[in-house]
Amino acid sequence: MIVVMKPGASQQQVDHVIDRIEQLGLRSHVIVGTERTVVAALGEKRDGAKQALETGEGVEKVVPILAPFKMASTEVKKDRTEVNVLGLSVGGKKIGVMAGPCSVESRSQIIDVAHIVREAGATALRGGAFKPRTSPYSFQGLKETGLQLLAEARDQTGLAIVTEVMAPEQVALVAQYADILQVGARNMQNYPLLEVAGESGLPILLKRGPSATMEEFLLAAEYILKTGNTQVMLCERGIRTFEDHTRFTLPLATVPYLHQTTHLPVVVDPSHGTGKASLVATMARAAVAAGADGLMVEIHPDPEKALSDGFQALTPPAFRQLMVDCRRVAVAVDREM
């Protein structure tokens, strides 16, 4: 349930409500809005809890949370969450763009791409140092060396670094170098990883699993949010269907649906969503038109020689054109890039 405080409620009154919630054996989570403060009471239903909290001084009303994903729901927080790190902004009027290669392959590759990404107007560099691959014989990433190269690219360009973390024991290491931790589609329901990543305090980019429902997706986000980390971005990267003309099926109805359901920002990955470089720009434009708060795009200086996913990576000229075209669409829907 959520305890809605009266406008102008004092900090002492809010603290009293928090104490009462914890005395009832529930967890409290404070959300400060533009007009009033809301305190979420999380946990198993307690008889008499609603009545006990309604009598608190400064309390306007106590409302049950109907959605199974409590903290991600718009029932708890009406204002949109905005994630800001370095120059990247996701969730506000400006559409954030995260771009870079699937894998960090060498110093020259990632530094060159970082400058291309920055010059084109993107504000975050994506790149995999640890790579989850279907085949154990495929390139698995440069690991900590890759992280060091990403950090060097940030030092040269000022771009925020987005990179994947694959296991709970990797979080501390990756957090030393990254600005945003990506939890990949294969790990969407790796609950120990979600909790440890949330506890890092860094913003989290959570990718939807290829067979996950919206409820499962939002409940995965809930594992992060319940650590107290509210800086969560949801990434639609396509789902597995019967279609085989694309690598996955990219359901852009996800964007407006999530905007109706949750306060968390929504990012779209048209590179994984299609698996074909020739379709990426078109779907990126469509994602912006649908209201996406951010884009995640793969770019490689020589896709034919990429060690992973070269078939879906844009060339630098194609990425520059994508940015130009998406800016036009953004203006049409009253957004900026």
C-alpha atoms as a PDB file:
ATOM      1  CA  MET A   1       0.000   0.000   0.000  1.00  0.00           C
ATOM      2  CA  ILE A   2       1.042   3.634  -0.287  1.00  0.00           C
ATOM      3  CA  VAL A   3       0.671   6.340   2.309  1.00  0.00           C
ATOM      4  CA  VAL A   4      -0.045   9.662   0.620  1.00  0.00           C
ATOM      5  CA  MET A   5       1.065  12.566   2.789  1.00  0.00           C
ATOM      6  CA  LYS A   6      -0.750  15.895   2.809  1.00  0.00           C
ATOM      7  CA  PRO A   7       0.832  18.772   0.873  1.00  0.00           C
ATOM      8  CA  GLY A   8       3.307  20.451   3.185  1.00  0.00           C
ATOM      9  CA  ALA A   9       3.659  17.475   5.529  1.00  0.00           C
ATOM     10  CA  SER A  10       6.734  17.900   7.713  1.00  0.00           C
ATOM     11  CA  GLN A  11       9.770  15.619   7.731  1.00  0.00           C
ATOM     12  CA  GLN A  12       8.884  14.681  11.316  1.00  0.00           C
ATOM     13  CA  GLN A  13       5.452  13.480  10.161  1.00  0.00           C
ATOM     14  CA  VAL A  14       7.015  11.492   7.319  1.00  0.00           C
ATOM     15  CA  ASP A  15       9.524   9.926   9.735  1.00  0.00           C
ATOM     16  CA  HIS A  16       6.671   8.950  12.050  1.00  0.00           C
ATOM     17  CA  VAL A  17       4.890   7.148   9.205  1.00  0.00           C
ATOM     18  CA  ILE A  18       8.130   5.338   8.327  1.00  0.00           C
ATOM     19  CA  ASP A  19       8.488   4.191  11.951  1.00  0.00           C
ATOM     20  CA  ARG A  20       4.880   2.928  12.025  1.00  0.00           C
ATOM     21  CA  ILE A  21       5.374   1.008   8.755  1.00  0.00           C
ATOM     22  CA  GLU A  22       8.463  -0.731  10.098  1.00  0.00           C
ATOM     23  CA  GLN A  23       6.755  -1.492  13.408  1.00  0.00           C
ATOM     24  CA  LEU A  24       4.106  -3.310  11.367  1.00  0.00           C
ATOM     25  CA  GLY A  25       6.791  -5.540   9.889  1.00  0.00           C
ATOM     26  CA  LEU A  26       6.748  -3.842   6.485  1.00  0.00           C
ATOM     27  CA  ARG A  27       9.458  -2.121   4.479  1.00  0.00           C
ATOM     28  CA  SER A  28       9.195   1.601   3.779  1.00  0.00           C
ATOM     29  CA  HIS A  29      10.245   3.440   0.647  1.00  0.00           C
ATOM     30  CA  VAL A  30       9.931   7.226   0.437  1.00  0.00           C
ATOM     31  CA  ILE A  31       9.126   8.896  -2.888  1.00  0.00           C
ATOM     32  CA  VAL A  32       9.344  12.681  -2.934  1.00  0.00           C
ATOM     33  CA  GLY A  33       7.144  14.148  -5.675  1.00  0.00           C
ATOM     34  CA  THR A  34       6.768  17.671  -6.976  1.00  0.00           C
ATOM     35  CA  GLU A  35       3.636  18.314  -4.882  1.00  0.00           C
ATOM     36  CA  ARG A  36       3.650  15.773  -2.078  1.00  0.00           C
ATOM     37  CA  THR A  37       5.535  12.899  -0.498  1.00  0.00           C
ATOM     38  CA  VAL A  38       4.409   9.287  -0.755  1.00  0.00           C
ATOM     39  CA  VAL A  39       5.643   6.457   1.487  1.00  0.00           C
ATOM     40  CA  ALA A  40       5.286   2.934   0.106  1.00  0.00           C
ATOM     41  CA  ALA A  41       4.680   0.134   2.609  1.00  0.00           C
ATOM     42  CA  LEU A  42       6.031  -3.067   1.078  1.00  0.00           C
ATOM     43  CA  GLY A  43       5.641  -6.660   2.180  1.00  0.00           C
ATOM     44  CA  GLU A  44       2.993  -9.230   3.002  1.00  0.00           C
ATOM     45  CA  LYS A  45      -0.473  -7.908   3.800  1.00  0.00           C
ATOM     46  CA  ARG A  46      -0.959  -7.137   7.507  1.00  0.00           C
ATOM     47  CA  ASP A  47      -4.444  -7.028   9.071  1.00  0.00           C
ATOM     48  CA  GLY A  48      -5.239  -3.584  10.398  1.00  0.00           C
ATOM     49  CA  ALA A  49      -2.195  -1.963   8.765  1.00  0.00           C
ATOM     50  CA  LYS A  50      -4.238   0.370   6.578  1.00  0.00           C
ATOM     51  CA  GLN A  51      -6.276   1.648   9.509  1.00  0.00           C
ATOM     52  CA  ALA A  52      -3.167   2.043  11.678  1.00  0.00           C
ATOM     53  CA  LEU A  53      -1.438   4.203   9.089  1.00  0.00           C
ATOM     54  CA  GLU A  54      -4.484   6.302   8.173  1.00  0.00           C
ATOM     55  CA  THR A  55      -4.552   7.867  11.649  1.00  0.00           C
ATOM     56  CA  GLY A  56      -1.047   9.277  11.382  1.00  0.00           C
ATOM     57  CA  GLU A  57      -0.628  13.034  11.558  1.00  0.00           C
ATOM     58  CA  GLY A  58      -0.012  14.526   8.117  1.00  0.00           C
ATOM     59  CA  VAL A  59      -1.474  11.499   6.306  1.00  0.00           C
ATOM     60  CA  GLU A  60      -4.007  12.302   3.595  1.00  0.00           C
ATOM     61  CA  LYS A  61      -4.941   8.752   2.610  1.00  0.00           C
ATOM     62  CA  VAL A  62      -3.707   5.158   2.398  1.00  0.00           C
ATOM     63  CA  VAL A  63      -4.214   3.422  -0.950  1.00  0.00           C
ATOM     64  CA  PRO A  64      -3.676  -0.267  -1.799  1.00  0.00           C
ATOM     65  CA  ILE A  65      -1.216  -0.978  -4.622  1.00  0.00           C
ATOM     66  CA  LEU A  66      -2.997  -3.262  -7.055  1.00  0.00           C
ATOM     67  CA  ALA A  67      -0.095  -3.930  -9.424  1.00  0.00           C
ATOM     68  CA  PRO A  68       2.153  -6.882  -8.481  1.00  0.00           C
ATOM     69  CA  PHE A  69       5.181  -4.697  -9.255  1.00  0.00           C
ATOM     70  CA  LYS A  70       4.801  -2.242  -6.390  1.00  0.00           C
ATOM     71  CA  MET A  71       7.650   0.258  -6.707  1.00  0.00           C
ATOM     72  CA  ALA A  72       7.737   0.306 -10.496  1.00  0.00           C
ATOM     73  CA  SER A  73       4.040   1.127 -10.748  1.00  0.00           C
ATOM     74  CA  THR A  74       2.569   4.515 -11.572  1.00  0.00           C
ATOM     75  CA  GLU A  75       0.269   3.888  -8.603  1.00  0.00           C
ATOM     76  CA  VAL A  76       3.258   4.635  -6.375  1.00  0.00           C
ATOM     77  CA  LYS A  77       4.941   7.359  -8.424  1.00  0.00           C
ATOM     78  CA  LYS A  78       3.130   9.536 -10.941  1.00  0.00           C
ATOM     79  CA  ASP A  79       6.160  11.604 -11.968  1.00  0.00           C
ATOM     80  CA  ARG A  80       8.397  10.078 -14.626  1.00  0.00           C
ATOM     81  CA  THR A  81      11.771   8.838 -13.399  1.00  0.00           C
ATOM     82  CA  GLU A  82      14.693  10.495 -15.159  1.00  0.00           C
ATOM     83  CA  VAL A  83      18.146   8.922 -15.176  1.00  0.00           C
ATOM     84  CA  ASN A  84      21.061  11.336 -15.522  1.00  0.00           C
ATOM     85  CA  VAL A  85      24.718  10.319 -15.615  1.00  0.00           C
ATOM     86  CA  LEU A  86      27.484  12.456 -17.090  1.00  0.00           C
ATOM     87  CA  GLY A  87      25.932  13.846 -20.291  1.00  0.00           C
ATOM     88  CA  LEU A  88      23.327  11.109 -20.690  1.00  0.00           C
ATOM     89  CA  SER A  89      19.701  11.895 -19.851  1.00  0.00           C
ATOM     90  CA  VAL A  90      16.990   9.249 -20.200  1.00  0.00           C
ATOM     91  CA  GLY A  91      13.393   9.808 -19.183  1.00  0.00           C
ATOM     92  CA  GLY A  92      13.040  13.560 -19.623  1.00  0.00           C
ATOM     93  CA  LYS A  93      12.401  15.595 -22.747  1.00  0.00           C
ATOM     94  CA  LYS A  94      15.765  14.642 -24.219  1.00  0.00           C
ATOM     95  CA  ILE A  95      16.176  11.202 -25.791  1.00  0.00           C
ATOM     96  CA  GLY A  96      19.396   9.543 -24.690  1.00  0.00           C
ATOM     97  CA  VAL A  97      21.455   7.625 -27.241  1.00  0.00           C
ATOM     98  CA  MET A  98      23.866   4.855 -26.228  1.00  0.00           C
ATOM     99  CA  ALA A  99      25.996   3.585 -29.099  1.00  0.00           C
ATOM    100  CA  GLY A 100      29.093   1.509 -29.677  1.00  0.00           C
ATOM    101  CA  PRO A 101      30.289  -1.949 -30.665  1.00  0.00           C
ATOM    102  CA  CYS A 102      28.864  -5.204 -29.382  1.00  0.00           C
ATOM    103  CA  SER A 103      32.313  -6.095 -28.028  1.00  0.00           C
ATOM    104  CA  VAL A 104      35.397  -4.149 -27.073  1.00  0.00           C
ATOM    105  CA  GLU A 105      37.985  -5.696 -29.415  1.00  0.00           C
ATOM    106  CA  SER A 106      41.025  -3.412 -29.216  1.00  0.00           C
ATOM    107  CA  ARG A 107      42.145  -0.011 -28.015  1.00  0.00           C
ATOM    108  CA  SER A 108      42.071   1.568 -31.471  1.00  0.00           C
ATOM    109  CA  GLN A 109      38.599   0.164 -32.187  1.00  0.00           C
ATOM    110  CA  ILE A 110      36.891   1.431 -29.032  1.00  0.00           C
ATOM    111  CA  ILE A 111      38.666   4.809 -28.969  1.00  0.00           C
ATOM    112  CA  ASP A 112      37.821   5.450 -32.637  1.00  0.00           C
ATOM    113  CA  VAL A 113      34.195   4.458 -32.123  1.00  0.00           C
ATOM    114  CA  ALA A 114      33.915   6.630 -29.002  1.00  0.00           C
ATOM    115  CA  HIS A 115      34.955   9.725 -30.950  1.00  0.00           C
ATOM    116  CA  ILE A 116      32.544   8.871 -33.776  1.00  0.00           C
ATOM    117  CA  VAL A 117      29.702   8.392 -31.293  1.00  0.00           C
ATOM    118  CA  ARG A 118      30.477  11.675 -29.531  1.00  0.00           C
ATOM    119  CA  GLU A 119      30.763  13.655 -32.775  1.00  0.00           C
ATOM    120  CA  ALA A 120      27.421  12.295 -33.995  1.00  0.00           C
ATOM    121  CA  GLY A 121      25.706  13.561 -30.842  1.00  0.00           C
ATOM    122  CA  ALA A 122      25.245  10.429 -28.717  1.00  0.00           C
ATOM    123  CA  THR A 123      26.013  10.778 -25.016  1.00  0.00           C
ATOM    124  CA  ALA A 124      26.898   7.233 -23.911  1.00  0.00           C
ATOM    125  CA  LEU A 125      29.262   4.567 -25.189  1.00  0.00           C
ATOM    126  CA  ARG A 126      28.138   0.964 -25.090  1.00  0.00           C
ATOM    127  CA  GLY A 127      30.567  -1.919 -25.385  1.00  0.00           C
ATOM    128  CA  GLY A 128      30.856  -5.420 -24.003  1.00  0.00           C
ATOM    129  CA  ALA A 129      33.885  -6.410 -21.933  1.00  0.00           C
ATOM    130  CA  PHE A 130      32.264  -9.630 -20.703  1.00  0.00           C
ATOM    131  CA  LYS A 131      30.281 -11.259 -23.510  1.00  0.00           C
ATOM    132  CA  PRO A 132      27.595 -13.918 -22.938  1.00  0.00           C
ATOM    133  CA  ARG A 133      27.689 -16.020 -26.125  1.00  0.00           C
ATOM    134  CA  THR A 134      25.495 -18.909 -27.147  1.00  0.00           C
ATOM    135  CA  SER A 135      28.541 -20.901 -28.209  1.00  0.00           C
ATOM    136  CA  PRO A 136      31.349 -21.404 -25.679  1.00  0.00           C
ATOM    137  CA  TYR A 137      33.799 -21.216 -28.592  1.00  0.00           C
ATOM    138  CA  SER A 138      32.785 -17.674 -29.604  1.00  0.00           C
ATOM    139  CA  PHE A 139      34.708 -14.563 -28.533  1.00  0.00           C
ATOM    140  CA  GLN A 140      33.988 -14.010 -24.833  1.00  0.00           C
ATOM    141  CA  GLY A 141      35.300 -10.460 -24.480  1.00  0.00           C
ATOM    142  CA  LEU A 142      38.495  -8.842 -23.170  1.00  0.00           C
ATOM    143  CA  LYS A 143      37.139  -8.783 -19.613  1.00  0.00           C
ATOM    144  CA  GLU A 144      38.986  -6.325 -17.301  1.00  0.00           C
ATOM    145  CA  THR A 145      41.224  -5.154 -20.134  1.00  0.00           C
ATOM    146  CA  GLY A 146      38.058  -4.241 -22.016  1.00  0.00           C
ATOM    147  CA  LEU A 147      36.776  -2.317 -19.003  1.00  0.00           C
ATOM    148  CA  GLN A 148      40.029  -0.371 -18.811  1.00  0.00           C
ATOM    149  CA  LEU A 149      39.742   0.532 -22.490  1.00  0.00           C
ATOM    150  CA  LEU A 150      36.167   1.722 -21.992  1.00  0.00           C
ATOM    151  CA  ALA A 151      37.316   3.927 -19.104  1.00  0.00           C
ATOM    152  CA  GLU A 152      40.053   5.378 -21.307  1.00  0.00           C
ATOM    153  CA  ALA A 153      37.481   6.134 -24.003  1.00  0.00           C
ATOM    154  CA  ARG A 154      35.373   7.957 -21.393  1.00  0.00           C
ATOM    155  CA  ASP A 155      38.392   9.988 -20.300  1.00  0.00           C
ATOM    156  CA  GLN A 156      38.953  11.094 -23.891  1.00  0.00           C
ATOM    157  CA  THR A 157      35.330  11.842 -24.843  1.00  0.00           C
ATOM    158  CA  GLY A 158      33.299  12.394 -21.664  1.00  0.00           C
ATOM    159  CA  LEU A 159      30.804   9.727 -22.730  1.00  0.00           C
ATOM    160  CA  ALA A 160      29.032   7.707 -20.040  1.00  0.00           C
ATOM    161  CA  ILE A 161      29.998   4.015 -20.169  1.00  0.00           C
ATOM    162  CA  VAL A 162      27.336   1.309 -20.445  1.00  0.00           C
ATOM    163  CA  THR A 163      28.568  -2.267 -20.194  1.00  0.00           C
ATOM    164  CA  GLU A 164      27.126  -5.623 -19.236  1.00  0.00           C
ATOM    165  CA  VAL A 165      27.634  -7.434 -15.966  1.00  0.00           C
ATOM    166  CA  MET A 166      26.943 -11.162 -16.056  1.00  0.00           C
ATOM    167  CA  ALA A 167      27.267 -12.452 -12.505  1.00  0.00           C
ATOM    168  CA  PRO A 168      26.958 -11.115  -8.935  1.00  0.00           C
ATOM    169  CA  GLU A 169      30.677 -11.569  -8.316  1.00  0.00           C
ATOM    170  CA  GLN A 170      31.486  -9.335 -11.316  1.00  0.00           C
ATOM    171  CA  VAL A 171      29.495  -6.335 -10.092  1.00  0.00           C
ATOM    172  CA  ALA A 172      32.186  -4.808  -7.873  1.00  0.00           C
ATOM    173  CA  LEU A 173      34.797  -5.043 -10.643  1.00  0.00           C
ATOM    174  CA  VAL A 174      32.582  -3.661 -13.412  1.00  0.00           C
ATOM    175  CA  ALA A 175      31.312  -0.875 -11.147  1.00  0.00           C
ATOM    176  CA  GLN A 176      34.893   0.408 -10.795  1.00  0.00           C
ATOM    177  CA  TYR A 177      34.902   1.318 -14.501  1.00  0.00           C
ATOM    178  CA  ALA A 178      31.300   1.662 -15.700  1.00  0.00           C
ATOM    179  CA  ASP A 179      28.767   4.449 -15.234  1.00  0.00           C
ATOM    180  CA  ILE A 180      25.750   2.238 -16.024  1.00  0.00           C
ATOM    181  CA  LEU A 181      25.453  -1.503 -15.451  1.00  0.00           C
ATOM    182  CA  GLN A 182      23.627  -3.422 -18.137  1.00  0.00           C
ATOM    183  CA  VAL A 183      21.787  -6.587 -17.170  1.00  0.00           C
ATOM    184  CA  GLY A 184      21.383  -8.554 -20.378  1.00  0.00           C
ATOM    185  CA  ALA A 185      18.334 -10.400 -21.659  1.00  0.00           C
ATOM    186  CA  ARG A 186      19.714 -13.793 -20.623  1.00  0.00           C
ATOM    187  CA  ASN A 187      20.036 -12.535 -17.042  1.00  0.00           C
ATOM    188  CA  MET A 188      16.744 -10.680 -16.695  1.00  0.00           C
ATOM    189  CA  GLN A 189      15.557 -13.214 -14.126  1.00  0.00           C
ATOM    190  CA  ASN A 190      18.926 -13.769 -12.449  1.00  0.00           C
ATOM    191  CA  TYR A 191      17.584 -12.415  -9.170  1.00  0.00           C
ATOM    192  CA  PRO A 192      20.839 -12.534  -7.159  1.00  0.00           C
ATOM    193  CA  LEU A 193      22.505 -10.505  -9.932  1.00  0.00           C
ATOM    194  CA  LEU A 194      19.647  -7.984  -9.982  1.00  0.00           C
ATOM    195  CA  GLU A 195      19.920  -7.440  -6.244  1.00  0.00           C
ATOM    196  CA  VAL A 196      23.704  -7.063  -6.175  1.00  0.00           C
ATOM    197  CA  ALA A 197      23.618  -4.757  -9.218  1.00  0.00           C
ATOM    198  CA  GLY A 198      20.965  -2.636  -7.512  1.00  0.00           C
ATOM    199  CA  GLU A 199      23.055  -2.410  -4.356  1.00  0.00           C
ATOM    200  CA  SER A 200      25.954  -0.955  -6.387  1.00  0.00           C
ATOM    201  CA  GLY A 201      24.043   2.333  -6.521  1.00  0.00           C
ATOM    202  CA  LEU A 202      24.819   2.747 -10.234  1.00  0.00           C
ATOM    203  CA  PRO A 203      22.049   3.234 -12.799  1.00  0.00           C
ATOM    204  CA  ILE A 204      20.878  -0.092 -14.244  1.00  0.00           C
ATOM    205  CA  LEU A 205      19.856  -0.798 -17.839  1.00  0.00           C
ATOM    206  CA  LEU A 206      17.619  -3.878 -17.633  1.00  0.00           C
ATOM    207  CA  LYS A 207      17.007  -5.715 -20.890  1.00  0.00           C
ATOM    208  CA  ARG A 208      13.815  -7.668 -21.456  1.00  0.00           C
ATOM    209  CA  GLY A 209      14.247 -11.429 -21.748  1.00  0.00           C
ATOM    210  CA  PRO A 210      13.405 -12.826 -25.209  1.00  0.00           C
ATOM    211  CA  SER A 211      10.426 -14.769 -23.818  1.00  0.00           C
ATOM    212  CA  ALA A 212       9.466 -12.534 -20.881  1.00  0.00           C
ATOM    213  CA  THR A 213       6.010 -11.065 -20.372  1.00  0.00           C
ATOM    214  CA  MET A 214       5.591  -7.451 -19.343  1.00  0.00           C
ATOM    215  CA  GLU A 215       4.720  -8.507 -15.802  1.00  0.00           C
ATOM    216  CA  GLU A 216       7.858 -10.637 -15.543  1.00  0.00           C
ATOM    217  CA  PHE A 217       9.907  -7.746 -16.940  1.00  0.00           C
ATOM    218  CA  LEU A 218       8.567  -5.286 -14.385  1.00  0.00           C
ATOM    219  CA  LEU A 219       8.912  -7.735 -11.513  1.00  0.00           C
ATOM    220  CA  ALA A 220      12.572  -8.147 -12.491  1.00  0.00           C
ATOM    221  CA  ALA A 221      12.917  -4.369 -12.245  1.00  0.00           C
ATOM    222  CA  GLU A 222      11.278  -4.607  -8.826  1.00  0.00           C
ATOM    223  CA  TYR A 223      14.213  -6.673  -7.545  1.00  0.00           C
ATOM    224  CA  ILE A 224      16.480  -3.721  -8.320  1.00  0.00           C
ATOM    225  CA  LEU A 225      14.114  -1.066  -7.032  1.00  0.00           C
ATOM    226  CA  LYS A 226      13.627  -2.788  -3.674  1.00  0.00           C
ATOM    227  CA  THR A 227      17.349  -2.310  -2.945  1.00  0.00           C
ATOM    228  CA  GLY A 228      16.635   1.428  -2.865  1.00  0.00           C
ATOM    229  CA  ASN A 229      18.165   2.030  -6.301  1.00  0.00           C
ATOM    230  CA  THR A 230      15.581   3.997  -8.289  1.00  0.00           C
ATOM    231  CA  GLN A 231      17.814   4.611 -11.332  1.00  0.00           C
ATOM    232  CA  VAL A 232      16.438   1.823 -13.538  1.00  0.00           C
ATOM    233  CA  MET A 233      15.949   1.925 -17.309  1.00  0.00           C
ATOM    234  CA  LEU A 234      13.871  -0.709 -19.086  1.00  0.00           C
ATOM    235  CA  CYS A 235      15.210  -1.842 -22.461  1.00  0.00           C
ATOM    236  CA  GLU A 236      13.038  -3.482 -25.111  1.00  0.00           C
ATOM    237  CA  ARG A 237      15.390  -5.520 -27.315  1.00  0.00           C
ATOM    238  CA  GLY A 238      12.946  -7.808 -29.094  1.00  0.00           C
ATOM    239  CA  ILE A 239      11.245 -11.081 -28.272  1.00  0.00           C
ATOM    240  CA  ARG A 240      11.355 -14.553 -29.778  1.00  0.00           C
ATOM    241  CA  THR A 241       8.373 -15.366 -32.018  1.00  0.00           C
ATOM    242  CA  PHE A 242       7.632 -17.669 -34.955  1.00  0.00           C
ATOM    243  CA  GLU A 243       8.988 -15.077 -37.392  1.00  0.00           C
ATOM    244  CA  ASP A 244      12.397 -15.682 -38.948  1.00  0.00           C
ATOM    245  CA  HIS A 245      12.800 -12.665 -41.231  1.00  0.00           C
ATOM    246  CA  THR A 246      14.461 -10.837 -38.333  1.00  0.00           C
ATOM    247  CA  ARG A 247      16.634 -12.075 -35.493  1.00  0.00           C
ATOM    248  CA  PHE A 248      13.892 -11.180 -33.001  1.00  0.00           C
ATOM    249  CA  THR A 249      10.537  -9.434 -33.242  1.00  0.00           C
ATOM    250  CA  LEU A 250      10.714  -5.843 -31.980  1.00  0.00           C
ATOM    251  CA  PRO A 251       7.319  -4.980 -30.392  1.00  0.00           C
ATOM    252  CA  LEU A 252       7.223  -1.199 -30.197  1.00  0.00           C
ATOM    253  CA  ALA A 253       3.822  -1.268 -28.500  1.00  0.00           C
ATOM    254  CA  THR A 254       5.953  -2.024 -25.437  1.00  0.00           C
ATOM    255  CA  VAL A 255       6.931   1.658 -25.258  1.00  0.00           C
ATOM    256  CA  PRO A 256       3.505   3.283 -24.796  1.00  0.00           C
ATOM    257  CA  TYR A 257       2.305   0.340 -22.690  1.00  0.00           C
ATOM    258  CA  LEU A 258       5.175   0.743 -20.238  1.00  0.00           C
ATOM    259  CA  HIS A 259       4.631   4.497 -20.136  1.00  0.00           C
ATOM    260  CA  GLN A 260       1.046   3.811 -19.026  1.00  0.00           C
ATOM    261  CA  THR A 261       2.126   1.208 -16.478  1.00  0.00           C
ATOM    262  CA  THR A 262       5.402   2.381 -14.936  1.00  0.00           C
ATOM    263  CA  HIS A 263       7.283   5.583 -14.189  1.00  0.00           C
ATOM    264  CA  LEU A 264      10.584   4.055 -15.353  1.00  0.00           C
ATOM    265  CA  PRO A 265      12.153   5.272 -18.630  1.00  0.00           C
ATOM    266  CA  VAL A 266      12.033   3.002 -21.684  1.00  0.00           C
ATOM    267  CA  VAL A 267      14.967   2.391 -24.030  1.00  0.00           C
ATOM    268  CA  VAL A 268      14.711   0.551 -27.368  1.00  0.00           C
ATOM    269  CA  ASP A 269      17.509  -1.537 -28.900  1.00  0.00           C
ATOM    270  CA  PRO A 270      16.766  -1.820 -32.644  1.00  0.00           C
ATOM    271  CA  SER A 271      20.081  -3.579 -33.303  1.00  0.00           C
ATOM    272  CA  HIS A 272      19.239  -6.730 -31.331  1.00  0.00           C
ATOM    273  CA  GLY A 273      15.548  -6.219 -32.052  1.00  0.00           C
ATOM    274  CA  THR A 274      16.057  -6.769 -35.780  1.00  0.00           C
ATOM    275  CA  GLY A 275      19.503  -8.342 -36.121  1.00  0.00           C
ATOM    276  CA  LYS A 276      19.896  -6.695 -39.506  1.00  0.00           C
ATOM    277  CA  ALA A 277      21.820  -3.467 -40.048  1.00  0.00           C
ATOM    278  CA  SER A 278      19.544  -2.510 -42.944  1.00  0.00           C
ATOM    279  CA  LEU A 279      16.527  -2.333 -40.587  1.00  0.00           C
ATOM    280  CA  VAL A 280      18.116  -0.597 -37.598  1.00  0.00           C
ATOM    281  CA  ALA A 281      17.682   3.034 -38.658  1.00  0.00           C
ATOM    282  CA  THR A 282      14.044   2.577 -39.654  1.00  0.00           C
ATOM    283  CA  MET A 283      13.168   0.933 -36.348  1.00  0.00           C
ATOM    284  CA  ALA A 284      15.133   3.564 -34.441  1.00  0.00           C
ATOM    285  CA  ARG A 285      13.000   6.263 -36.054  1.00  0.00           C
ATOM    286  CA  ALA A 286       9.863   4.279 -35.251  1.00  0.00           C
ATOM    287  CA  ALA A 287      10.975   3.890 -31.626  1.00  0.00           C
ATOM    288  CA  VAL A 288      11.420   7.648 -31.273  1.00  0.00           C
ATOM    289  CA  ALA A 289       7.984   8.199 -32.799  1.00  0.00           C
ATOM    290  CA  ALA A 290       6.502   5.683 -30.340  1.00  0.00           C
ATOM    291  CA  GLY A 291       7.890   7.705 -27.423  1.00  0.00           C
ATOM    292  CA  ALA A 292      11.102   5.872 -26.509  1.00  0.00           C
ATOM    293  CA  ASP A 293      13.191   7.695 -23.901  1.00  0.00           C
ATOM    294  CA  GLY A 294      16.434   6.281 -25.259  1.00  0.00           C
ATOM    295  CA  LEU A 295      18.056   4.256 -28.019  1.00  0.00           C
ATOM    296  CA  MET A 296      20.809   1.649 -27.823  1.00  0.00           C
ATOM    297  CA  VAL A 297      22.535   1.151 -31.188  1.00  0.00           C
ATOM    298  CA  GLU A 298      25.458  -0.984 -32.299  1.00  0.00           C
ATOM    299  CA  ILE A 299      28.135   0.669 -34.444  1.00  0.00           C
ATOM    300  CA  HIS A 300      31.437  -0.763 -35.682  1.00  0.00           C
ATOM    301  CA  PRO A 301      34.152   0.819 -37.860  1.00  0.00           C
ATOM    302  CA  ASP A 302      34.284  -2.339 -40.017  1.00  0.00           C
ATOM    303  CA  PRO A 303      31.243  -4.576 -39.368  1.00  0.00           C
ATOM    304  CA  GLU A 304      32.518  -7.341 -41.673  1.00  0.00           C
ATOM    305  CA  LYS A 305      35.473  -7.872 -39.346  1.00  0.00           C
ATOM    306  CA  ALA A 306      33.567  -7.554 -36.056  1.00  0.00           C
ATOM    307  CA  LEU A 307      34.205 -10.357 -33.579  1.00  0.00           C
ATOM    308  CA  SER A 308      30.536 -10.432 -32.574  1.00  0.00           C
ATOM    309  CA  ASP A 309      27.222  -9.345 -34.119  1.00  0.00           C
ATOM    310  CA  GLY A 310      28.754  -7.521 -37.090  1.00  0.00           C
ATOM    311  CA  PHE A 311      25.649  -8.235 -39.178  1.00  0.00           C
ATOM    312  CA  GLN A 312      23.569  -5.857 -37.050  1.00  0.00           C
ATOM    313  CA  ALA A 313      26.169  -3.122 -36.530  1.00  0.00           C
ATOM    314  CA  LEU A 314      25.957   0.173 -38.398  1.00  0.00           C
ATOM    315  CA  THR A 315      28.918   1.737 -40.158  1.00  0.00           C
ATOM    316  CA  PRO A 316      29.930   5.212 -38.913  1.00  0.00           C
ATOM    317  CA  PRO A 317      28.266   6.998 -41.886  1.00  0.00           C
ATOM    318  CA  ALA A 318      25.046   5.026 -41.352  1.00  0.00           C
ATOM    319  CA  PHE A 319      25.045   5.914 -37.654  1.00  0.00           C
ATOM    320  CA  ARG A 320      25.543   9.597 -38.391  1.00  0.00           C
ATOM    321  CA  GLN A 321      22.555   9.497 -40.760  1.00  0.00           C
ATOM    322  CA  LEU A 322      20.470   7.687 -38.154  1.00  0.00           C
ATOM    323  CA  MET A 323      21.134  10.499 -35.689  1.00  0.00           C
ATOM    324  CA  VAL A 324      20.127  13.133 -38.262  1.00  0.00           C
ATOM    325  CA  ASP A 325      16.905  11.321 -39.133  1.00  0.00           C
ATOM    326  CA  CYS A 326      15.950  10.546 -35.533  1.00  0.00           C
ATOM    327  CA  ARG A 327      16.409  14.199 -34.568  1.00  0.00           C
ATOM    328  CA  ARG A 328      13.774  15.131 -37.156  1.00  0.00           C
ATOM    329  CA  VAL A 329      11.335  12.614 -35.707  1.00  0.00           C
ATOM    330  CA  ALA A 330      12.121  13.754 -32.166  1.00  0.00           C
ATOM    331  CA  VAL A 331      11.189  17.348 -33.032  1.00  0.00           C
ATOM    332  CA  ALA A 332       7.895  16.128 -34.475  1.00  0.00           C
ATOM    333  CA  VAL A 333       6.964  14.477 -31.156  1.00  0.00           C
ATOM    334  CA  ASP A 334       8.202  17.415 -29.042  1.00  0.00           C
ATOM    335  CA  ARG A 335      11.415  15.736 -27.901  1.00  0.00           C
ATOM    336  CA  GLU A 336      15.129  16.486 -28.316  1.00  0.00           C
ATOM    337  CA  MET A 337      18.207  14.420 -29.162  1.00  0.00           C
END
